[in-house]
Amino acid sequence: MEPEDLEKIEDIDLLDEDIDLDKDYDEDDSYKDDEGRHAQTIVFNDEIVKSILEKGKGKGVLTIDEINAALEDIEIEPEIIERVYQAAEQMGINIIEDESEEEDLGEDLEASVEGIGLEDHVRMYLREIGKVPLLTAEEEVELAHRIEMGDEEAKRRLNEANLRLVVSIAKRYVGRGMQFLDLIQEGNLGLLKAVEKFDYRKGFKFSTYATWWIRQAITRAIADQARTIRIPVHMVETINKLLRVSKQLSQELGKDPSPEQIAEEMEMPVEKVREIMKIRQEPVSLETPVGEEEDSHIGDFIADENAPAPSERAAYTLLKEQLLEVLETLTPREQKVLKLRFGLEDGRARTLEEVGKEFNVTRERIRQIEAKALRKLRHPSRSKKLRDYID
């Protein structure tokens, strides 16, 4: 590779500084740092992009599929992809549209999602959008030009003609915690943004550009909604990469790879791999049914470490019975004073003043009644019944 090409690759550093990936997005989906400055992307991995361009420079050509596959594990703003394309053009790398994409979009939608359990209303939706004809490149340019002029009908046509593209992308994310229809709906929101921002002058087909907006909308939705406990976007990408590497190693080794093998392949510390594997575990509800009859739940088989042992509970029950029996030997007023003072009925102990108000006497009088009642309980004739429970 020529030195000037290396310089072009180095120039693709799009961020001046690292971004705190755990921060939220503002309403227009751009990111703001602590000083209110806008950053262009959520995650940008220079090494991955540089490796793509180096590969393209070596053979003089890159396909859209190759770019998509290389960047599948990271989230990149669609605008950043345009910069990658521009850098490739400057380096003399020819980017080729994929004919297979046209074939995928042209096939029967219901057949293309065979294997995914579809409800009737989803099938009906697929049939409806399958009736909308695909656009030629010339028609896309014409509609994009009309959209620039404020033509809402052109915007609607461009959107409807690409709804099947959303389905094609959404089916790749089935099984990641969201229903297929929800994935389609999120992808449709990304498609709307692509329609708004598409610049036909760049020379790329609309589907190529829209793919990134659709993918971004779906992956963000999965990160935000698919889990009970939200995981930051960058960690979701790391988890996806780990799963991909794990699957690849399983095929090569013929068995599940160890954390050490995954760490070596990902060039990452073993402790970090173990941490990621722990994070990716899904929470399980204690109400999850168990068994063929589903009449039991997971919670039925998990011991409550804070609950008293059966022997302790039995001892407390016997103590309560003996205590009530001993209290019966006192006067009704003495019984009530002790029950209120020590919370023997409802678990809430009252102050002398509170008990005094209950009997319309002074707190000193209550103290005297309490002291007298306790002296009676200490008498051997009564205390011997409770002595066995004193540890």
Foldseek 3Di string as FASTA:
>chain_A
DDPVLVVLLVVLPQDPDDDDLVDDADPVRFDQDPVGDTGQWNDDDSVLLSVQLVVQLVVQEAELVRVCVSCVLDATDLVSVLVSVVSSVVSNRHYDYDPVLVVLLLDQLVVSLPPADDDPVVVVVSVVLNVQAADDQVLQVVLLVVVVVVDVVSLVSVLSNCLSLQLVLLSVCPPLQDHSVVLSVQLSVLQSVLSVPPDCVSPDGSSSSSSSSSSNSNLVCSQAPRAPDHDGSNLSSVLVVLVVLQVVVCVVVVHGDDLVVSCVVVVHDSVVSVVSVVVPDGDDDQQAFDDPVSPHGNVVVDDDPPDDDPVVVVLVVLLLVLVVVLLVVDDPLLSVLVCQQCVVPNRDHDQLCVVCVVVVHHSVVSVVSPVVSVVSCPPPVNVVSNVVVPD
